Amino acid sequence: MTDEEIVGYLDDNGYPPHIVNGGRAGLVARWKQFVNEVEAGYAHNLHNYRNDLDIRGLIRLFALDDEVAEADGRLEGLLVHPEIRVWESSEGSPFWDFGYPRNAGWALRRDLQAEELL
C-alpha cells in the first residue's frame, strides 16, 4: 500500500488527524514509542493501551510488520499472562493482543482488574 493509500484509509475511517497526518511513518514511530513506554513502565490506562494495540493492528493491515519486528520482539518479552486476551486489534491471534506488561502502572492494572483480566 502506498503512503497516499494509507493516509486515505486512515482519513476515510475516522482516525484522528495526528494519526492520519503521520501516515506510514507515524504509525511505525508511534508503535516504537509505545514499546519504549512499556519498557519504562506503562503509565496509561487500559483505554490508551488498547488504542496503542490498535496502532499495531493497522501496521499489520498495511503489511508494515518488517518495519517493527525489532520493537515487537522487545514487547513480546515484556508481556505476562499470554493466555489472557486483552484486545482484538486485528484478525487472528497476534501476540500483542494477549497479556499485559509486567511493569504496568497503577492505571492499567486498575482497569485490567475492573474488567477481571488481572
PDB file of N, CA and C in Angstrom:
ATOM      1  N   MET A   1       0.847  -1.174   0.000  1.00  0.00           N
ATOM      2  CA  MET A   1       0.000   0.000   0.000  1.00  0.00           C
ATOM      3  C   MET A   1       0.897   1.244   0.000  1.00  0.00           C
ATOM      4  N   THR A   2       0.549   2.220  -0.799  1.00  0.00           N
ATOM      5  CA  THR A   2       1.340   3.440  -0.856  1.00  0.00           C
ATOM      6  C   THR A   2       1.053   4.318   0.360  1.00  0.00           C
ATOM      7  N   ASP A   3       1.923   5.279   0.592  1.00  0.00           N
ATOM      8  CA  ASP A   3       1.698   6.230   1.684  1.00  0.00           C
ATOM      9  C   ASP A   3       0.370   6.959   1.497  1.00  0.00           C
ATOM     10  N   GLU A   4       0.092   7.338   0.268  1.00  0.00           N
ATOM     11  CA  GLU A   4      -1.152   8.051  -0.019  1.00  0.00           C
ATOM     12  C   GLU A   4      -2.377   7.182   0.286  1.00  0.00           C
ATOM     13  N   GLU A   5      -2.307   5.909  -0.048  1.00  0.00           N
ATOM     14  CA  GLU A   5      -3.419   4.993   0.242  1.00  0.00           C
ATOM     15  C   GLU A   5      -3.593   4.801   1.739  1.00  0.00           C
ATOM     16  N   ILE A   6      -2.492   4.727   2.462  1.00  0.00           N
ATOM     17  CA  ILE A   6      -2.575   4.583   3.923  1.00  0.00           C
ATOM     18  C   ILE A   6      -3.241   5.804   4.534  1.00  0.00           C
ATOM     19  N   VAL A   7      -2.800   6.989   4.139  1.00  0.00           N
ATOM     20  CA  VAL A   7      -3.399   8.223   4.648  1.00  0.00           C
ATOM     21  C   VAL A   7      -4.883   8.272   4.288  1.00  0.00           C
ATOM     22  N   GLY A   8      -5.218   7.893   3.076  1.00  0.00           N
ATOM     23  CA  GLY A   8      -6.616   7.871   2.653  1.00  0.00           C
ATOM     24  C   GLY A   8      -7.454   6.915   3.482  1.00  0.00           C
ATOM     25  N   TYR A   9      -6.928   5.725   3.744  1.00  0.00           N
ATOM     26  CA  TYR A   9      -7.639   4.744   4.570  1.00  0.00           C
ATOM     27  C   TYR A   9      -7.872   5.303   5.971  1.00  0.00           C
ATOM     28  N   LEU A  10      -6.827   5.848   6.561  1.00  0.00           N
ATOM     29  CA  LEU A  10      -6.947   6.385   7.916  1.00  0.00           C
ATOM     30  C   LEU A  10      -7.966   7.514   7.960  1.00  0.00           C
ATOM     31  N   ASP A  11      -7.922   8.392   6.985  1.00  0.00           N
ATOM     32  CA  ASP A  11      -8.865   9.511   6.929  1.00  0.00           C
ATOM     33  C   ASP A  11     -10.283   9.012   6.708  1.00  0.00           C
ATOM     34  N   ASP A  12     -10.465   8.117   5.749  1.00  0.00           N
ATOM     35  CA  ASP A  12     -11.794   7.588   5.448  1.00  0.00           C
ATOM     36  C   ASP A  12     -12.421   6.845   6.618  1.00  0.00           C
ATOM     37  N   ASN A  13     -11.586   6.293   7.491  1.00  0.00           N
ATOM     38  CA  ASN A  13     -12.088   5.503   8.605  1.00  0.00           C
ATOM     39  C   ASN A  13     -12.107   6.264   9.923  1.00  0.00           C
ATOM     40  N   GLY A  14     -11.974   7.579   9.854  1.00  0.00           N
ATOM     41  CA  GLY A  14     -12.204   8.437  11.009  1.00  0.00           C
ATOM     42  C   GLY A  14     -11.108   8.479  12.057  1.00  0.00           C
ATOM     43  N   TYR A  15      -9.890   8.132  11.684  1.00  0.00           N
ATOM     44  CA  TYR A  15      -8.802   8.230  12.657  1.00  0.00           C
ATOM     45  C   TYR A  15      -8.502   9.696  12.917  1.00  0.00           C
ATOM     46  N   PRO A  16      -8.000  10.019  14.106  1.00  0.00           N
ATOM     47  CA  PRO A  16      -7.732  11.427  14.421  1.00  0.00           C
ATOM     48  C   PRO A  16      -6.652  12.013  13.513  1.00  0.00           C
ATOM     49  N   PRO A  17      -6.695  13.323  13.329  1.00  0.00           N
ATOM     50  CA  PRO A  17      -5.759  13.979  12.411  1.00  0.00           C
ATOM     51  C   PRO A  17      -4.287  13.655  12.665  1.00  0.00           C
ATOM     52  N   HIS A  18      -3.872  13.558  13.924  1.00  0.00           N
ATOM     53  CA  HIS A  18      -2.449  13.273  14.173  1.00  0.00           C
ATOM     54  C   HIS A  18      -2.051  11.888  13.666  1.00  0.00           C
ATOM     55  N   ILE A  19      -2.974  10.948  13.639  1.00  0.00           N
ATOM     56  CA  ILE A  19      -2.702   9.609  13.098  1.00  0.00           C
ATOM     57  C   ILE A  19      -2.724   9.680  11.566  1.00  0.00           C
ATOM     58  N   VAL A  20      -3.735  10.336  11.021  1.00  0.00           N
ATOM     59  CA  VAL A  20      -3.851  10.461   9.566  1.00  0.00           C
ATOM     60  C   VAL A  20      -2.622  11.166   8.993  1.00  0.00           C
ATOM     61  N   ASN A  21      -2.282  12.303   9.565  1.00  0.00           N
ATOM     62  CA  ASN A  21      -1.170  13.105   9.041  1.00  0.00           C
ATOM     63  C   ASN A  21       0.166  12.390   9.173  1.00  0.00           C
ATOM     64  N   GLY A  22       0.304  11.533  10.155  1.00  0.00           N
ATOM     65  CA  GLY A  22       1.549  10.791  10.337  1.00  0.00           C
ATOM     66  C   GLY A  22       1.745   9.705   9.301  1.00  0.00           C
ATOM     67  N   GLY A  23       0.647   9.168   8.788  1.00  0.00           N
ATOM     68  CA  GLY A  23       0.721   8.113   7.781  1.00  0.00           C
ATOM     69  C   GLY A  23       1.572   6.939   8.224  1.00  0.00           C
ATOM     70  N   ARG A  24       2.202   6.306   7.261  1.00  0.00           N
ATOM     71  CA  ARG A  24       3.034   5.120   7.491  1.00  0.00           C
ATOM     72  C   ARG A  24       4.107   5.402   8.547  1.00  0.00           C
ATOM     73  N   ALA A  25       4.874   6.443   8.342  1.00  0.00           N
ATOM     74  CA  ALA A  25       5.977   6.745   9.261  1.00  0.00           C
ATOM     75  C   ALA A  25       5.467   7.020  10.667  1.00  0.00           C
ATOM     76  N   GLY A  26       4.332   7.694  10.761  1.00  0.00           N
ATOM     77  CA  GLY A  26       3.751   7.997  12.071  1.00  0.00           C
ATOM     78  C   GLY A  26       3.301   6.753  12.812  1.00  0.00           C
ATOM     79  N   LEU A  27       2.700   5.817  12.095  1.00  0.00           N
ATOM     80  CA  LEU A  27       2.269   4.565  12.736  1.00  0.00           C
ATOM     81  C   LEU A  27       3.468   3.796  13.272  1.00  0.00           C
ATOM     82  N   VAL A  28       4.489   3.679  12.453  1.00  0.00           N
ATOM     83  CA  VAL A  28       5.689   2.943  12.863  1.00  0.00           C
ATOM     84  C   VAL A  28       6.355   3.642  14.047  1.00  0.00           C
ATOM     85  N   ALA A  29       6.471   4.958  13.975  1.00  0.00           N
ATOM     86  CA  ALA A  29       7.091   5.716  15.068  1.00  0.00           C
ATOM     87  C   ALA A  29       6.277   5.598  16.351  1.00  0.00           C
ATOM     88  N   ARG A  30       4.949   5.666  16.225  1.00  0.00           N
ATOM     89  CA  ARG A  30       4.108   5.571  17.430  1.00  0.00           C
ATOM     90  C   ARG A  30       4.246   4.199  18.067  1.00  0.00           C
ATOM     91  N   TRP A  31       4.299   3.134  17.271  1.00  0.00           N
ATOM     92  CA  TRP A  31       4.449   1.798  17.828  1.00  0.00           C
ATOM     93  C   TRP A  31       5.779   1.672  18.578  1.00  0.00           C
ATOM     94  N   LYS A  32       6.825   2.179  17.993  1.00  0.00           N
ATOM     95  CA  LYS A  32       8.135   2.116  18.647  1.00  0.00           C
ATOM     96  C   LYS A  32       8.136   2.935  19.937  1.00  0.00           C
ATOM     97  N   GLN A  33       7.458   4.070  19.923  1.00  0.00           N
ATOM     98  CA  GLN A  33       7.341   4.890  21.132  1.00  0.00           C
ATOM     99  C   GLN A  33       6.561   4.136  22.200  1.00  0.00           C
ATOM    100  N   PHE A  34       5.483   3.469  21.801  1.00  0.00           N
ATOM    101  CA  PHE A  34       4.693   2.662  22.736  1.00  0.00           C
ATOM    102  C   PHE A  34       5.557   1.588  23.389  1.00  0.00           C
ATOM    103  N   VAL A  35       6.346   0.888  22.606  1.00  0.00           N
ATOM    104  CA  VAL A  35       7.212  -0.159  23.168  1.00  0.00           C
ATOM    105  C   VAL A  35       8.197   0.460  24.156  1.00  0.00           C
ATOM    106  N   ASN A  36       8.736   1.617  23.846  1.00  0.00           N
ATOM    107  CA  ASN A  36       9.615   2.310  24.788  1.00  0.00           C
ATOM    108  C   ASN A  36       8.883   2.644  26.088  1.00  0.00           C
ATOM    109  N   GLU A  37       7.625   3.069  25.968  1.00  0.00           N
ATOM    110  CA  GLU A  37       6.818   3.381  27.155  1.00  0.00           C
ATOM    111  C   GLU A  37       6.592   2.129  27.996  1.00  0.00           C
ATOM    112  N   VAL A  38       6.331   1.020  27.342  1.00  0.00           N
ATOM    113  CA  VAL A  38       6.135  -0.237  28.072  1.00  0.00           C
ATOM    114  C   VAL A  38       7.426  -0.624  28.785  1.00  0.00           C
ATOM    115  N   GLU A  39       8.547  -0.467  28.123  1.00  0.00           N
ATOM    116  CA  GLU A  39       9.827  -0.795  28.757  1.00  0.00           C
ATOM    117  C   GLU A  39      10.072   0.059  30.000  1.00  0.00           C
ATOM    118  N   ALA A  40       9.654   1.302  29.949  1.00  0.00           N
ATOM    119  CA  ALA A  40       9.872   2.225  31.069  1.00  0.00           C
ATOM    120  C   ALA A  40       8.842   2.032  32.182  1.00  0.00           C
ATOM    121  N   GLY A  41       7.750   1.362  31.876  1.00  0.00           N
ATOM    122  CA  GLY A  41       6.651   1.180  32.829  1.00  0.00           C
ATOM    123  C   GLY A  41       5.434   1.903  32.290  1.00  0.00           C
ATOM    124  N   TYR A  42       4.519   1.180  31.692  1.00  0.00           N
ATOM    125  CA  TYR A  42       3.376   1.784  31.014  1.00  0.00           C
ATOM    126  C   TYR A  42       2.510   2.534  32.018  1.00  0.00           C
ATOM    127  N   ALA A  43       2.398   3.841  31.857  1.00  0.00           N
ATOM    128  CA  ALA A  43       1.758   4.695  32.850  1.00  0.00           C
ATOM    129  C   ALA A  43       0.327   5.099  32.485  1.00  0.00           C
ATOM    130  N   HIS A  44      -0.216   4.539  31.407  1.00  0.00           N
ATOM    131  CA  HIS A  44      -1.544   4.941  30.959  1.00  0.00           C
ATOM    132  C   HIS A  44      -2.578   3.869  31.309  1.00  0.00           C
ATOM    133  N   ASN A  45      -3.837   4.178  31.033  1.00  0.00           N
ATOM    134  CA  ASN A  45      -4.925   3.258  31.376  1.00  0.00           C
ATOM    135  C   ASN A  45      -5.193   2.240  30.257  1.00  0.00           C
ATOM    136  N   LEU A  46      -6.177   1.382  30.487  1.00  0.00           N
ATOM    137  CA  LEU A  46      -6.486   0.323  29.523  1.00  0.00           C
ATOM    138  C   LEU A  46      -7.016   0.883  28.212  1.00  0.00           C
ATOM    139  N   HIS A  47      -7.785   1.944  28.266  1.00  0.00           N
ATOM    140  CA  HIS A  47      -8.285   2.570  27.034  1.00  0.00           C
ATOM    141  C   HIS A  47      -7.104   2.998  26.152  1.00  0.00           C
ATOM    142  N   ASN A  48      -6.132   3.659  26.735  1.00  0.00           N
ATOM    143  CA  ASN A  48      -4.950   4.077  25.980  1.00  0.00           C
ATOM    144  C   ASN A  48      -4.148   2.878  25.493  1.00  0.00           C
ATOM    145  N   TYR A  49      -4.016   1.872  26.338  1.00  0.00           N
ATOM    146  CA  TYR A  49      -3.278   0.662  25.968  1.00  0.00           C
ATOM    147  C   TYR A  49      -3.923   0.012  24.737  1.00  0.00           C
ATOM    148  N   ARG A  50      -5.238  -0.076  24.745  1.00  0.00           N
ATOM    149  CA  ARG A  50      -5.939  -0.670  23.605  1.00  0.00           C
ATOM    150  C   ARG A  50      -5.805   0.192  22.351  1.00  0.00           C
ATOM    151  N   ASN A  51      -5.832   1.502  22.515  1.00  0.00           N
ATOM    152  CA  ASN A  51      -5.591   2.375  21.359  1.00  0.00           C
ATOM    153  C   ASN A  51      -4.207   2.110  20.771  1.00  0.00           C
ATOM    154  N   ASP A  52      -3.234   1.908  21.639  1.00  0.00           N
ATOM    155  CA  ASP A  52      -1.884   1.609  21.163  1.00  0.00           C
ATOM    156  C   ASP A  52      -1.835   0.260  20.451  1.00  0.00           C
ATOM    157  N   LEU A  53      -2.580  -0.713  20.957  1.00  0.00           N
ATOM    158  CA  LEU A  53      -2.641  -2.010  20.277  1.00  0.00           C
ATOM    159  C   LEU A  53      -3.313  -1.879  18.912  1.00  0.00           C
ATOM    160  N   ASP A  54      -4.277  -0.964  18.822  1.00  0.00           N
ATOM    161  CA  ASP A  54      -4.914  -0.719  17.521  1.00  0.00           C
ATOM    162  C   ASP A  54      -3.905  -0.205  16.496  1.00  0.00           C
ATOM    163  N   ILE A  55      -2.937   0.565  16.941  1.00  0.00           N
ATOM    164  CA  ILE A  55      -1.880   1.040  16.033  1.00  0.00           C
ATOM    165  C   ILE A  55      -1.165  -0.168  15.429  1.00  0.00           C
ATOM    166  N   ARG A  56      -0.877  -1.155  16.284  1.00  0.00           N
ATOM    167  CA  ARG A  56      -0.184  -2.347  15.782  1.00  0.00           C
ATOM    168  C   ARG A  56      -1.070  -3.116  14.808  1.00  0.00           C
ATOM    169  N   GLY A  57      -2.375  -3.137  15.068  1.00  0.00           N
ATOM    170  CA  GLY A  57      -3.292  -3.769  14.128  1.00  0.00           C
ATOM    171  C   GLY A  57      -3.259  -3.094  12.766  1.00  0.00           C
ATOM    172  N   LEU A  58      -3.167  -1.776  12.751  1.00  0.00           N
ATOM    173  CA  LEU A  58      -3.052  -1.044  11.485  1.00  0.00           C
ATOM    174  C   LEU A  58      -1.741  -1.374  10.785  1.00  0.00           C
ATOM    175  N   ILE A  59      -0.681  -1.492  11.552  1.00  0.00           N
ATOM    176  CA  ILE A  59       0.619  -1.840  10.976  1.00  0.00           C
ATOM    177  C   ILE A  59       0.528  -3.198  10.283  1.00  0.00           C
ATOM    178  N   ARG A  60      -0.166  -4.133  10.900  1.00  0.00           N
ATOM    179  CA  ARG A  60      -0.360  -5.440  10.260  1.00  0.00           C
ATOM    180  C   ARG A  60      -1.217  -5.298   9.006  1.00  0.00           C
ATOM    181  N   LEU A  61      -2.301  -4.549   9.112  1.00  0.00           N
ATOM    182  CA  LEU A  61      -3.202  -4.359   7.976  1.00  0.00           C
ATOM    183  C   LEU A  61      -2.456  -3.803   6.768  1.00  0.00           C
ATOM    184  N   PHE A  62      -1.534  -2.891   7.008  1.00  0.00           N
ATOM    185  CA  PHE A  62      -0.783  -2.260   5.931  1.00  0.00           C
ATOM    186  C   PHE A  62       0.499  -3.006   5.584  1.00  0.00           C
ATOM    187  N   ALA A  63       0.680  -4.197   6.152  1.00  0.00           N
ATOM    188  CA  ALA A  63       1.844  -5.054   5.864  1.00  0.00           C
ATOM    189  C   ALA A  63       3.173  -4.351   6.141  1.00  0.00           C
ATOM    190  N   LEU A  64       3.237  -3.683   7.290  1.00  0.00           N
ATOM    191  CA  LEU A  64       4.449  -2.987   7.707  1.00  0.00           C
ATOM    192  C   LEU A  64       5.178  -3.742   8.818  1.00  0.00           C
ATOM    193  N   ASP A  65       4.857  -5.011   8.988  1.00  0.00           N
ATOM    194  CA  ASP A  65       5.403  -5.805  10.099  1.00  0.00           C
ATOM    195  C   ASP A  65       6.925  -5.785  10.154  1.00  0.00           C
ATOM    196  N   ASP A  66       7.566  -5.853   9.001  1.00  0.00           N
ATOM    197  CA  ASP A  66       9.032  -5.871   8.979  1.00  0.00           C
ATOM    198  C   ASP A  66       9.623  -4.606   9.595  1.00  0.00           C
ATOM    199  N   GLU A  67       8.902  -3.506   9.487  1.00  0.00           N
ATOM    200  CA  GLU A  67       9.409  -2.229   9.995  1.00  0.00           C
ATOM    201  C   GLU A  67       9.373  -2.138  11.522  1.00  0.00           C
ATOM    202  N   VAL A  68       8.623  -3.045  12.167  1.00  0.00           N
ATOM    203  CA  VAL A  68       8.513  -3.003  13.628  1.00  0.00           C
ATOM    204  C   VAL A  68       8.938  -4.322  14.279  1.00  0.00           C
ATOM    205  N   ALA A  69       9.583  -5.182  13.533  1.00  0.00           N
ATOM    206  CA  ALA A  69       9.947  -6.514  14.036  1.00  0.00           C
ATOM    207  C   ALA A  69      10.811  -6.428  15.290  1.00  0.00           C
ATOM    208  N   GLU A  70      11.768  -5.529  15.308  1.00  0.00           N
ATOM    209  CA  GLU A  70      12.658  -5.408  16.472  1.00  0.00           C
ATOM    210  C   GLU A  70      11.861  -4.944  17.693  1.00  0.00           C
ATOM    211  N   ALA A  71      11.003  -3.958  17.517  1.00  0.00           N
ATOM    212  CA  ALA A  71      10.168  -3.471  18.614  1.00  0.00           C
ATOM    213  C   ALA A  71       9.208  -4.559  19.085  1.00  0.00           C
ATOM    214  N   ASP A  72       8.648  -5.327  18.150  1.00  0.00           N
ATOM    215  CA  ASP A  72       7.771  -6.440  18.522  1.00  0.00           C
ATOM    216  C   ASP A  72       8.492  -7.432  19.428  1.00  0.00           C
ATOM    217  N   GLY A  73       9.712  -7.775  19.070  1.00  0.00           N
ATOM    218  CA  GLY A  73      10.478  -8.716  19.872  1.00  0.00           C
ATOM    219  C   GLY A  73      10.701  -8.204  21.285  1.00  0.00           C
ATOM    220  N   ARG A  74      10.990  -6.920  21.410  1.00  0.00           N
ATOM    221  CA  ARG A  74      11.173  -6.331  22.736  1.00  0.00           C
ATOM    222  C   ARG A  74       9.874  -6.379  23.533  1.00  0.00           C
ATOM    223  N   LEU A  75       8.760  -6.021  22.871  1.00  0.00           N
ATOM    224  CA  LEU A  75       7.469  -6.018  23.565  1.00  0.00           C
ATOM    225  C   LEU A  75       7.089  -7.419  24.017  1.00  0.00           C
ATOM    226  N   GLU A  76       7.238  -8.374  23.161  1.00  0.00           N
ATOM    227  CA  GLU A  76       6.820  -9.736  23.493  1.00  0.00           C
ATOM    228  C   GLU A  76       7.501 -10.217  24.769  1.00  0.00           C
ATOM    229  N   GLY A  77       8.754  -9.838  24.958  1.00  0.00           N
ATOM    230  CA  GLY A  77       9.480 -10.228  26.160  1.00  0.00           C
ATOM    231  C   GLY A  77       9.018  -9.529  27.424  1.00  0.00           C
ATOM    232  N   LEU A  78       8.209  -8.493  27.289  1.00  0.00           N
ATOM    233  CA  LEU A  78       7.736  -7.722  28.439  1.00  0.00           C
ATOM    234  C   LEU A  78       6.335  -8.109  28.893  1.00  0.00           C
ATOM    235  N   LEU A  79       5.656  -8.938  28.112  1.00  0.00           N
ATOM    236  CA  LEU A  79       4.269  -9.284  28.422  1.00  0.00           C
ATOM    237  C   LEU A  79       4.183 -10.516  29.309  1.00  0.00           C
ATOM    238  N   VAL A  80       3.269 -10.464  30.255  1.00  0.00           N
ATOM    239  CA  VAL A  80       2.992 -11.601  31.125  1.00  0.00           C
ATOM    240  C   VAL A  80       1.546 -12.040  30.907  1.00  0.00           C
ATOM    241  N   HIS A  81       1.243 -13.246  31.291  1.00  0.00           N
ATOM    242  CA  HIS A  81      -0.087 -13.855  31.154  1.00  0.00           C
ATOM    243  C   HIS A  81      -0.589 -13.843  29.710  1.00  0.00           C
ATOM    244  N   PRO A  82       0.182 -14.479  28.823  1.00  0.00           N
ATOM    245  CA  PRO A  82      -0.204 -14.510  27.412  1.00  0.00           C
ATOM    246  C   PRO A  82      -1.462 -15.334  27.133  1.00  0.00           C
ATOM    247  N   GLU A  83      -2.018 -15.949  28.140  1.00  0.00           N
ATOM    248  CA  GLU A  83      -3.268 -16.685  27.955  1.00  0.00           C
ATOM    249  C   GLU A  83      -4.490 -15.764  28.053  1.00  0.00           C
ATOM    250  N   ILE A  84      -4.277 -14.517  28.474  1.00  0.00           N
ATOM    251  CA  ILE A  84      -5.378 -13.570  28.660  1.00  0.00           C
ATOM    252  C   ILE A  84      -5.424 -12.606  27.472  1.00  0.00           C
ATOM    253  N   ARG A  85      -6.533 -12.639  26.769  1.00  0.00           N
ATOM    254  CA  ARG A  85      -6.693 -11.707  25.648  1.00  0.00           C
ATOM    255  C   ARG A  85      -7.248 -10.397  26.189  1.00  0.00           C
ATOM    256  N   VAL A  86      -6.515  -9.306  25.956  1.00  0.00           N
ATOM    257  CA  VAL A  86      -6.948  -8.009  26.455  1.00  0.00           C
ATOM    258  C   VAL A  86      -7.569  -7.128  25.366  1.00  0.00           C
ATOM    259  N   TRP A  87      -7.411  -7.541  24.087  1.00  0.00           N
ATOM    260  CA  TRP A  87      -7.975  -6.738  23.000  1.00  0.00           C
ATOM    261  C   TRP A  87      -7.994  -7.554  21.721  1.00  0.00           C
ATOM    262  N   GLU A  88      -8.700  -7.054  20.713  1.00  0.00           N
ATOM    263  CA  GLU A  88      -8.717  -7.658  19.380  1.00  0.00           C
ATOM    264  C   GLU A  88      -8.431  -6.561  18.374  1.00  0.00           C
ATOM    265  N   SER A  89      -7.151  -6.368  18.114  1.00  0.00           N
ATOM    266  CA  SER A  89      -6.732  -5.280  17.228  1.00  0.00           C
ATOM    267  C   SER A  89      -6.713  -5.675  15.762  1.00  0.00           C
ATOM    268  N   SER A  90      -6.672  -6.979  15.509  1.00  0.00           N
ATOM    269  CA  SER A  90      -6.647  -7.456  14.127  1.00  0.00           C
ATOM    270  C   SER A  90      -7.081  -8.907  14.100  1.00  0.00           C
ATOM    271  N   GLU A  91      -7.242  -9.424  12.904  1.00  0.00           N
ATOM    272  CA  GLU A  91      -7.687 -10.810  12.749  1.00  0.00           C
ATOM    273  C   GLU A  91      -6.656 -11.777  13.317  1.00  0.00           C
ATOM    274  N   GLY A  92      -7.135 -12.950  13.658  1.00  0.00           N
ATOM    275  CA  GLY A  92      -6.242 -13.976  14.172  1.00  0.00           C
ATOM    276  C   GLY A  92      -5.939 -13.753  15.639  1.00  0.00           C
ATOM    277  N   SER A  93      -4.794 -14.215  16.027  1.00  0.00           N
ATOM    278  CA  SER A  93      -4.379 -14.131  17.420  1.00  0.00           C
ATOM    279  C   SER A  93      -2.980 -13.545  17.542  1.00  0.00           C
ATOM    280  N   PRO A  94      -2.812 -12.270  17.180  1.00  0.00           N
ATOM    281  CA  PRO A  94      -1.477 -11.684  17.262  1.00  0.00           C
ATOM    282  C   PRO A  94      -1.020 -11.587  18.716  1.00  0.00           C
ATOM    283  N   PHE A  95       0.252 -11.816  18.948  1.00  0.00           N
ATOM    284  CA  PHE A  95       0.765 -11.872  20.314  1.00  0.00           C
ATOM    285  C   PHE A  95       0.449 -10.620  21.120  1.00  0.00           C
ATOM    286  N   TRP A  96       0.444  -9.455  20.494  1.00  0.00           N
ATOM    287  CA  TRP A  96       0.286  -8.196  21.234  1.00  0.00           C
ATOM    288  C   TRP A  96      -1.105  -8.035  21.826  1.00  0.00           C
ATOM    289  N   ASP A  97      -2.083  -8.798  21.370  1.00  0.00           N
ATOM    290  CA  ASP A  97      -3.431  -8.726  21.929  1.00  0.00           C
ATOM    291  C   ASP A  97      -3.586  -9.561  23.199  1.00  0.00           C
ATOM    292  N   PHE A  98      -2.546 -10.252  23.593  1.00  0.00           N
ATOM    293  CA  PHE A  98      -2.594 -11.152  24.743  1.00  0.00           C
ATOM    294  C   PHE A  98      -1.597 -10.706  25.803  1.00  0.00           C
ATOM    295  N   GLY A  99      -2.015 -10.841  27.058  1.00  0.00           N
ATOM    296  CA  GLY A  99      -1.142 -10.479  28.161  1.00  0.00           C
ATOM    297  C   GLY A  99      -1.097  -8.970  28.356  1.00  0.00           C
ATOM    298  N   TYR A 100      -0.258  -8.580  29.280  1.00  0.00           N
ATOM    299  CA  TYR A 100      -0.087  -7.165  29.593  1.00  0.00           C
ATOM    300  C   TYR A 100       1.326  -6.982  30.152  1.00  0.00           C
ATOM    301  N   PRO A 101       1.821  -5.748  30.150  1.00  0.00           N
ATOM    302  CA  PRO A 101       3.195  -5.517  30.604  1.00  0.00           C
ATOM    303  C   PRO A 101       3.383  -5.907  32.068  1.00  0.00           C
ATOM    304  N   ARG A 102       4.457  -6.593  32.333  1.00  0.00           N
ATOM    305  CA  ARG A 102       4.741  -6.995  33.715  1.00  0.00           C
ATOM    306  C   ARG A 102       4.943  -5.788  34.610  1.00  0.00           C
ATOM    307  N   ASN A 103       5.353  -4.663  34.044  1.00  0.00           N
ATOM    308  CA  ASN A 103       5.571  -3.451  34.822  1.00  0.00           C
ATOM    309  C   ASN A 103       4.470  -2.412  34.577  1.00  0.00           C
ATOM    310  N   ALA A 104       3.259  -2.897  34.367  1.00  0.00           N
ATOM    311  CA  ALA A 104       2.126  -1.999  34.130  1.00  0.00           C
ATOM    312  C   ALA A 104       1.949  -1.065  35.320  1.00  0.00           C
ATOM    313  N   GLY A 105       1.649   0.184  35.027  1.00  0.00           N
ATOM    314  CA  GLY A 105       1.387   1.161  36.083  1.00  0.00           C
ATOM    315  C   GLY A 105       0.030   0.937  36.731  1.00  0.00           C
ATOM    316  N   TRP A 106      -0.249   1.736  37.740  1.00  0.00           N
ATOM    317  CA  TRP A 106      -1.468   1.544  38.524  1.00  0.00           C
ATOM    318  C   TRP A 106      -2.736   1.702  37.706  1.00  0.00           C
ATOM    319  N   ALA A 107      -2.775   2.649  36.749  1.00  0.00           N
ATOM    320  CA  ALA A 107      -3.998   2.887  35.973  1.00  0.00           C
ATOM    321  C   ALA A 107      -4.339   1.677  35.101  1.00  0.00           C
ATOM    322  N   LEU A 108      -3.350   1.108  34.446  1.00  0.00           N
ATOM    323  CA  LEU A 108      -3.589  -0.075  33.621  1.00  0.00           C
ATOM    324  C   LEU A 108      -3.976  -1.259  34.492  1.00  0.00           C
ATOM    325  N   ARG A 109      -3.283  -1.440  35.597  1.00  0.00           N
ATOM    326  CA  ARG A 109      -3.611  -2.553  36.497  1.00  0.00           C
ATOM    327  C   ARG A 109      -5.030  -2.407  37.061  1.00  0.00           C
ATOM    328  N   ARG A 110      -5.393  -1.200  37.437  1.00  0.00           N
ATOM    329  CA  ARG A 110      -6.740  -0.933  37.962  1.00  0.00           C
ATOM    330  C   ARG A 110      -7.797  -1.316  36.932  1.00  0.00           C
ATOM    331  N   ASP A 111      -7.595  -0.883  35.674  1.00  0.00           N
ATOM    332  CA  ASP A 111      -8.577  -1.156  34.629  1.00  0.00           C
ATOM    333  C   ASP A 111      -8.627  -2.635  34.259  1.00  0.00           C
ATOM    334  N   LEU A 112      -7.474  -3.288  34.232  1.00  0.00           N
ATOM    335  CA  LEU A 112      -7.452  -4.735  33.972  1.00  0.00           C
ATOM    336  C   LEU A 112      -8.205  -5.480  35.067  1.00  0.00           C
ATOM    337  N   GLN A 113      -8.015  -5.034  36.284  1.00  0.00           N
ATOM    338  CA  GLN A 113      -8.716  -5.653  37.411  1.00  0.00           C
ATOM    339  C   GLN A 113     -10.219  -5.415  37.317  1.00  0.00           C
ATOM    340  N   ALA A 114     -10.620  -4.219  36.934  1.00  0.00           N
ATOM    341  CA  ALA A 114     -12.043  -3.889  36.804  1.00  0.00           C
ATOM    342  C   ALA A 114     -12.716  -4.745  35.739  1.00  0.00           C
ATOM    343  N   GLU A 115     -11.976  -5.120  34.722  1.00  0.00           N
ATOM    344  CA  GLU A 115     -12.516  -5.984  33.661  1.00  0.00           C
ATOM    345  C   GLU A 115     -12.254  -7.460  33.929  1.00  0.00           C
ATOM    346  N   GLU A 116     -11.777  -7.748  35.125  1.00  0.00           N
ATOM    347  CA  GLU A 116     -11.470  -9.122  35.555  1.00  0.00           C
ATOM    348  C   GLU A 116     -10.468  -9.815  34.628  1.00  0.00           C
ATOM    349  N   LEU A 117      -9.486  -9.037  34.179  1.00  0.00           N
ATOM    350  CA  LEU A 117      -8.414  -9.569  33.335  1.00  0.00           C
ATOM    351  C   LEU A 117      -7.126  -9.741  34.129  1.00  0.00           C
ATOM    352  N   LEU A 118      -7.134  -9.243  35.347  1.00  0.00           N
ATOM    353  CA  LEU A 118      -5.944  -9.314  36.205  1.00  0.00           C
ATOM    354  C   LEU A 118      -6.281 -10.039  37.492  1.00  0.00           C
TER     355      LEU A 118
END
